C-alpha cells in the first residue's frame, strides 16, 4: 500500500490552499494510507544551513516526508512564486524528498501565477529525482465563497490529481 503525505504549506489562518487540500483528502480512496501536515502546527526554524537540521521538529518532518511514496502539497502563491514557508520546508528536509511522487495544488489571487510552482518543481526533479505529476491544480479567489471551496471544476480537478497520484504510486513504488 502506498503512503501519502499531504502538506498544507500556508501559514494563513484563512488559507484557500488548505481548503483545497482538505477537499483533496476526501477525494483519495479509502485504501490509501495518508498523513496530513499543516505547517501552521509546526514552529519551523528558518534554514540556516547548519544548526537548523538538528531541530527536533525538522527531524520529525524529515522522517514523515521520507516515509511517503507520494507527497501532495498545497501552496499559496505570493508575488508570482510559491510561499517562502514551502521553500523553507524543502531546504530543511532536503534528501527526504528523494524519488518521491509530488503533486501540487496552488491558490493565488489571480490568473497570472499559474506557472509559479515551476521553479520548485524543477528543483525537486533535478535535486531529488522526484516525479512531478504534470497537472497542477490552480485556483484563484473566485473559486471560493464564504470560506469554502465552491468551484465544481476545481473539485473535479482535485479528484483527477488524487486519481493520478494513486495510479502513479502503484506503478512507481
C-alpha atoms as a PDB file:
ATOM      1  CA  UNK A   1       0.000   0.000   0.000  1.00  0.00           C
ATOM      2  CA  UNK A   2       1.247   3.486  -0.843  1.00  0.00           C
ATOM      3  CA  UNK A   3       1.679   6.131   1.812  1.00  0.00           C
ATOM      4  CA  UNK A   4       0.698   9.699   1.016  1.00  0.00           C
ATOM      5  CA  UNK A   5       1.823  12.773   2.913  1.00  0.00           C
ATOM      6  CA  UNK A   6      -0.452  15.740   2.307  1.00  0.00           C
ATOM      7  CA  UNK A   7       1.075  19.103   3.209  1.00  0.00           C
ATOM      8  CA  UNK A   8      -0.666  22.419   3.667  1.00  0.00           C
ATOM      9  CA  UNK A   9       2.200  24.885   3.247  1.00  0.00           C
ATOM     10  CA  UNK A  10       0.209  28.001   4.061  1.00  0.00           C
ATOM     11  CA  UNK A  11       0.608  29.846   7.326  1.00  0.00           C
ATOM     12  CA  UNK A  12      -2.552  31.919   6.750  1.00  0.00           C
ATOM     13  CA  UNK A  13      -5.453  31.104   9.075  1.00  0.00           C
ATOM     14  CA  UNK A  14      -7.876  31.693   6.149  1.00  0.00           C
ATOM     15  CA  UNK A  15      -5.848  29.673   3.667  1.00  0.00           C
ATOM     16  CA  UNK A  16      -7.508  28.802   0.393  1.00  0.00           C
ATOM     17  CA  UNK A  17      -4.812  26.251  -0.457  1.00  0.00           C
ATOM     18  CA  UNK A  18      -5.593  24.480   2.833  1.00  0.00           C
ATOM     19  CA  UNK A  19      -9.282  24.318   1.869  1.00  0.00           C
ATOM     20  CA  UNK A  20      -8.234  22.699  -1.391  1.00  0.00           C
ATOM     21  CA  UNK A  21      -6.051  20.155   0.440  1.00  0.00           C
ATOM     22  CA  UNK A  22      -8.920  19.284   2.770  1.00  0.00           C
ATOM     23  CA  UNK A  23     -11.061  18.614  -0.307  1.00  0.00           C
ATOM     24  CA  UNK A  24      -8.245  16.576  -1.859  1.00  0.00           C
ATOM     25  CA  UNK A  25      -8.145  14.388   1.265  1.00  0.00           C
ATOM     26  CA  UNK A  26     -11.807  13.486   0.700  1.00  0.00           C
ATOM     27  CA  UNK A  27     -11.023  12.522  -2.897  1.00  0.00           C
ATOM     28  CA  UNK A  28      -8.333   9.960  -2.024  1.00  0.00           C
ATOM     29  CA  UNK A  29      -9.526   6.343  -1.960  1.00  0.00           C
ATOM     30  CA  UNK A  30     -10.049   4.805   1.491  1.00  0.00           C
ATOM     31  CA  UNK A  31      -7.247   2.264   0.987  1.00  0.00           C
ATOM     32  CA  UNK A  32      -4.570   4.964   0.700  1.00  0.00           C
ATOM     33  CA  UNK A  33      -2.553   5.475   3.868  1.00  0.00           C
ATOM     34  CA  UNK A  34      -2.316   9.216   4.494  1.00  0.00           C
ATOM     35  CA  UNK A  35      -0.802  11.716   6.853  1.00  0.00           C
ATOM     36  CA  UNK A  36      -1.793  15.400   6.883  1.00  0.00           C
ATOM     37  CA  UNK A  37       0.830  18.009   7.758  1.00  0.00           C
ATOM     38  CA  UNK A  38      -0.339  21.560   8.358  1.00  0.00           C
ATOM     39  CA  UNK A  39       2.705  23.844   8.573  1.00  0.00           C
ATOM     40  CA  UNK A  40       0.752  26.153  10.891  1.00  0.00           C
ATOM     41  CA  UNK A  41       1.168  23.449  13.532  1.00  0.00           C
ATOM     42  CA  UNK A  42       4.985  23.466  13.318  1.00  0.00           C
ATOM     43  CA  UNK A  43       7.289  26.147  14.687  1.00  0.00           C
ATOM     44  CA  UNK A  44       9.891  25.653  11.991  1.00  0.00           C
ATOM     45  CA  UNK A  45      13.210  27.459  12.120  1.00  0.00           C
ATOM     46  CA  UNK A  46      14.441  29.285   9.056  1.00  0.00           C
ATOM     47  CA  UNK A  47      17.005  27.255   7.189  1.00  0.00           C
ATOM     48  CA  UNK A  48      20.462  28.494   8.155  1.00  0.00           C
ATOM     49  CA  UNK A  49      22.438  25.683   6.545  1.00  0.00           C
ATOM     50  CA  UNK A  50      23.689  24.479   9.934  1.00  0.00           C
ATOM     51  CA  UNK A  51      22.031  24.234  13.343  1.00  0.00           C
ATOM     52  CA  UNK A  52      18.501  24.087  11.903  1.00  0.00           C
ATOM     53  CA  UNK A  53      18.943  20.461  10.802  1.00  0.00           C
ATOM     54  CA  UNK A  54      19.237  19.222  14.394  1.00  0.00           C
ATOM     55  CA  UNK A  55      15.924  20.820  15.409  1.00  0.00           C
ATOM     56  CA  UNK A  56      13.556  18.034  16.616  1.00  0.00           C
ATOM     57  CA  UNK A  57      10.667  19.416  14.546  1.00  0.00           C
ATOM     58  CA  UNK A  58      12.810  19.375  11.402  1.00  0.00           C
ATOM     59  CA  UNK A  59      13.897  15.793  12.129  1.00  0.00           C
ATOM     60  CA  UNK A  60      10.248  14.774  12.599  1.00  0.00           C
ATOM     61  CA  UNK A  61       9.239  16.356   9.272  1.00  0.00           C
ATOM     62  CA  UNK A  62      12.207  14.735   7.518  1.00  0.00           C
ATOM     63  CA  UNK A  63      11.012  11.328   8.742  1.00  0.00           C
ATOM     64  CA  UNK A  64       7.405  11.972   7.742  1.00  0.00           C
ATOM     65  CA  UNK A  65       8.341  13.025   4.214  1.00  0.00           C
ATOM     66  CA  UNK A  66      10.934  10.260   3.829  1.00  0.00           C
ATOM     67  CA  UNK A  67       8.314   7.642   4.767  1.00  0.00           C
ATOM     68  CA  UNK A  68       5.978   8.767   1.960  1.00  0.00           C
ATOM     69  CA  UNK A  69       5.691   7.360  -1.523  1.00  0.00           C
ATOM     70  CA  UNK A  70       3.741  10.401  -2.698  1.00  0.00           C
ATOM     71  CA  UNK A  71       3.681  13.961  -1.367  1.00  0.00           C
ATOM     72  CA  UNK A  72       0.815  16.267  -2.292  1.00  0.00           C
ATOM     73  CA  UNK A  73       1.399  19.909  -1.421  1.00  0.00           C
ATOM     74  CA  UNK A  74      -0.997  22.834  -1.146  1.00  0.00           C
ATOM     75  CA  UNK A  75       0.849  26.080  -1.749  1.00  0.00           C
ATOM     76  CA  UNK A  76      -0.256  29.677  -1.564  1.00  0.00           C
ATOM     77  CA  UNK A  77       1.176  31.856  -4.300  1.00  0.00           C
ATOM     78  CA  UNK A  78       2.619  35.180  -3.254  1.00  0.00           C
ATOM     79  CA  UNK A  79       4.217  37.647  -5.672  1.00  0.00           C
ATOM     80  CA  UNK A  80       4.179  35.111  -8.550  1.00  0.00           C
ATOM     81  CA  UNK A  81       6.033  32.405  -6.561  1.00  0.00           C
ATOM     82  CA  UNK A  82       5.270  29.621  -4.125  1.00  0.00           C
ATOM     83  CA  UNK A  83       5.329  30.595  -0.472  1.00  0.00           C
ATOM     84  CA  UNK A  84       8.556  31.001   1.476  1.00  0.00           C
ATOM     85  CA  UNK A  85       7.208  28.531   4.048  1.00  0.00           C
ATOM     86  CA  UNK A  86       7.230  25.763   1.425  1.00  0.00           C
ATOM     87  CA  UNK A  87      10.672  26.685   0.102  1.00  0.00           C
ATOM     88  CA  UNK A  88      11.952  26.667   3.692  1.00  0.00           C
ATOM     89  CA  UNK A  89      10.396  23.216   4.246  1.00  0.00           C
ATOM     90  CA  UNK A  90      12.254  21.833   1.229  1.00  0.00           C
ATOM     91  CA  UNK A  91      15.529  23.381   2.385  1.00  0.00           C
ATOM     92  CA  UNK A  92      15.055  21.917   5.881  1.00  0.00           C
ATOM     93  CA  UNK A  93      14.028  18.432   4.780  1.00  0.00           C
ATOM     94  CA  UNK A  94      16.230  18.069   1.674  1.00  0.00           C
ATOM     95  CA  UNK A  95      17.061  14.445   0.898  1.00  0.00           C
ATOM     96  CA  UNK A  96      13.821  13.241   2.496  1.00  0.00           C
ATOM     97  CA  UNK A  97      12.295  14.202  -0.878  1.00  0.00           C
ATOM     98  CA  UNK A  98      14.465  11.698  -2.814  1.00  0.00           C
ATOM     99  CA  UNK A  99      12.468   9.890  -5.501  1.00  0.00           C
ATOM    100  CA  UNK A 100       9.014  10.966  -4.315  1.00  0.00           C
ATOM    101  CA  UNK A 101       5.986  11.394  -6.498  1.00  0.00           C
ATOM    102  CA  UNK A 102       4.918  15.019  -5.949  1.00  0.00           C
ATOM    103  CA  UNK A 103       1.706  16.809  -6.839  1.00  0.00           C
ATOM    104  CA  UNK A 104       0.899  20.496  -6.425  1.00  0.00           C
ATOM    105  CA  UNK A 105      -2.217  22.427  -5.546  1.00  0.00           C
ATOM    106  CA  UNK A 106      -1.905  26.217  -5.737  1.00  0.00           C
ATOM    107  CA  UNK A 107      -4.143  29.059  -4.634  1.00  0.00           C
ATOM    108  CA  UNK A 108      -3.448  32.566  -5.858  1.00  0.00           C
ATOM    109  CA  UNK A 109      -5.144  35.919  -6.026  1.00  0.00           C
ATOM    110  CA  UNK A 110      -5.417  35.982  -9.813  1.00  0.00           C
ATOM    111  CA  UNK A 111      -4.993  34.088 -13.072  1.00  0.00           C
ATOM    112  CA  UNK A 112      -1.431  35.179 -13.856  1.00  0.00           C
ATOM    113  CA  UNK A 113       0.560  32.967 -11.470  1.00  0.00           C
ATOM    114  CA  UNK A 114      -0.331  29.539 -12.840  1.00  0.00           C
ATOM    115  CA  UNK A 115       3.332  28.700 -13.560  1.00  0.00           C
ATOM    116  CA  UNK A 116       4.539  29.829 -10.128  1.00  0.00           C
ATOM    117  CA  UNK A 117       5.365  26.301  -8.986  1.00  0.00           C
ATOM    118  CA  UNK A 118       7.719  25.508 -11.880  1.00  0.00           C
ATOM    119  CA  UNK A 119      10.911  26.685 -10.172  1.00  0.00           C
ATOM    120  CA  UNK A 120      10.386  24.494  -7.129  1.00  0.00           C
ATOM    121  CA  UNK A 121       9.109  21.596  -9.282  1.00  0.00           C
ATOM    122  CA  UNK A 122      12.277  21.748 -11.378  1.00  0.00           C
ATOM    123  CA  UNK A 123      14.396  21.844  -8.237  1.00  0.00           C
ATOM    124  CA  UNK A 124      12.649  18.771  -6.822  1.00  0.00           C
ATOM    125  CA  UNK A 125      13.102  16.934 -10.131  1.00  0.00           C
ATOM    126  CA  UNK A 126      16.756  17.814 -10.568  1.00  0.00           C
ATOM    127  CA  UNK A 127      17.994  17.766  -6.969  1.00  0.00           C
ATOM    128  CA  UNK A 128      15.933  14.891  -5.571  1.00  0.00           C
ATOM    129  CA  UNK A 129      14.796  12.945  -8.655  1.00  0.00           C
ATOM    130  CA  UNK A 130      11.140  13.477  -7.810  1.00  0.00           C
ATOM    131  CA  UNK A 131       8.494  12.527 -10.320  1.00  0.00           C
ATOM    132  CA  UNK A 132       6.258  15.568 -10.660  1.00  0.00           C
ATOM    133  CA  UNK A 133       2.621  14.963 -11.511  1.00  0.00           C
ATOM    134  CA  UNK A 134       2.375  17.179 -14.592  1.00  0.00           C
ATOM    135  CA  UNK A 135      -1.081  18.579 -14.000  1.00  0.00           C
ATOM    136  CA  UNK A 136      -1.183  21.047 -11.116  1.00  0.00           C
ATOM    137  CA  UNK A 137      -4.466  22.235  -9.674  1.00  0.00           C
ATOM    138  CA  UNK A 138      -4.505  26.029  -9.700  1.00  0.00           C
ATOM    139  CA  UNK A 139      -7.284  28.232  -8.401  1.00  0.00           C
ATOM    140  CA  UNK A 140      -7.839  31.866  -7.710  1.00  0.00           C
ATOM    141  CA  UNK A 141     -10.192  33.814  -5.475  1.00  0.00           C
ATOM    142  CA  UNK A 142     -13.401  33.277  -7.462  1.00  0.00           C
ATOM    143  CA  UNK A 143     -13.279  29.524  -6.675  1.00  0.00           C
ATOM    144  CA  UNK A 144     -14.194  30.256  -3.047  1.00  0.00           C
ATOM    145  CA  UNK A 145     -17.156  31.741  -1.233  1.00  0.00           C
ATOM    146  CA  UNK A 146     -17.827  32.206   2.484  1.00  0.00           C
ATOM    147  CA  UNK A 147     -14.636  30.379   3.454  1.00  0.00           C
ATOM    148  CA  UNK A 148     -15.411  27.319   1.317  1.00  0.00           C
ATOM    149  CA  UNK A 149     -14.222  25.864  -1.964  1.00  0.00           C
ATOM    150  CA  UNK A 150     -17.278  26.178  -4.208  1.00  0.00           C
ATOM    151  CA  UNK A 151     -15.964  25.719  -7.749  1.00  0.00           C
ATOM    152  CA  UNK A 152     -17.059  22.299  -9.070  1.00  0.00           C
ATOM    153  CA  UNK A 153     -14.343  22.325 -11.761  1.00  0.00           C
ATOM    154  CA  UNK A 154     -11.621  22.747  -9.134  1.00  0.00           C
ATOM    155  CA  UNK A 155     -13.150  19.932  -7.071  1.00  0.00           C
ATOM    156  CA  UNK A 156     -13.164  17.749 -10.178  1.00  0.00           C
ATOM    157  CA  UNK A 157      -9.516  18.585 -10.919  1.00  0.00           C
ATOM    158  CA  UNK A 158      -8.573  17.746  -7.324  1.00  0.00           C
ATOM    159  CA  UNK A 159     -10.214  14.360  -7.858  1.00  0.00           C
ATOM    160  CA  UNK A 160      -8.212  13.888 -11.053  1.00  0.00           C
ATOM    161  CA  UNK A 161      -4.997  14.780  -9.219  1.00  0.00           C
ATOM    162  CA  UNK A 162      -5.839  12.259  -6.481  1.00  0.00           C
ATOM    163  CA  UNK A 163      -6.520   9.536  -9.080  1.00  0.00           C
ATOM    164  CA  UNK A 164      -3.299  10.282 -10.955  1.00  0.00           C
ATOM    165  CA  UNK A 165      -1.279  10.250  -7.729  1.00  0.00           C
ATOM    166  CA  UNK A 166      -2.739   6.878  -6.724  1.00  0.00           C
ATOM    167  CA  UNK A 167      -2.156   5.441 -10.205  1.00  0.00           C
ATOM    168  CA  UNK A 168       1.456   6.663 -10.326  1.00  0.00           C
ATOM    169  CA  UNK A 169       2.190   5.436  -6.809  1.00  0.00           C
ATOM    170  CA  UNK A 170       1.002   1.975  -7.761  1.00  0.00           C
ATOM    171  CA  UNK A 171       3.291   1.907 -10.774  1.00  0.00           C
ATOM    172  CA  UNK A 172       6.415   3.597  -9.434  1.00  0.00           C
ATOM    173  CA  UNK A 173       6.592   2.399  -5.825  1.00  0.00           C
END
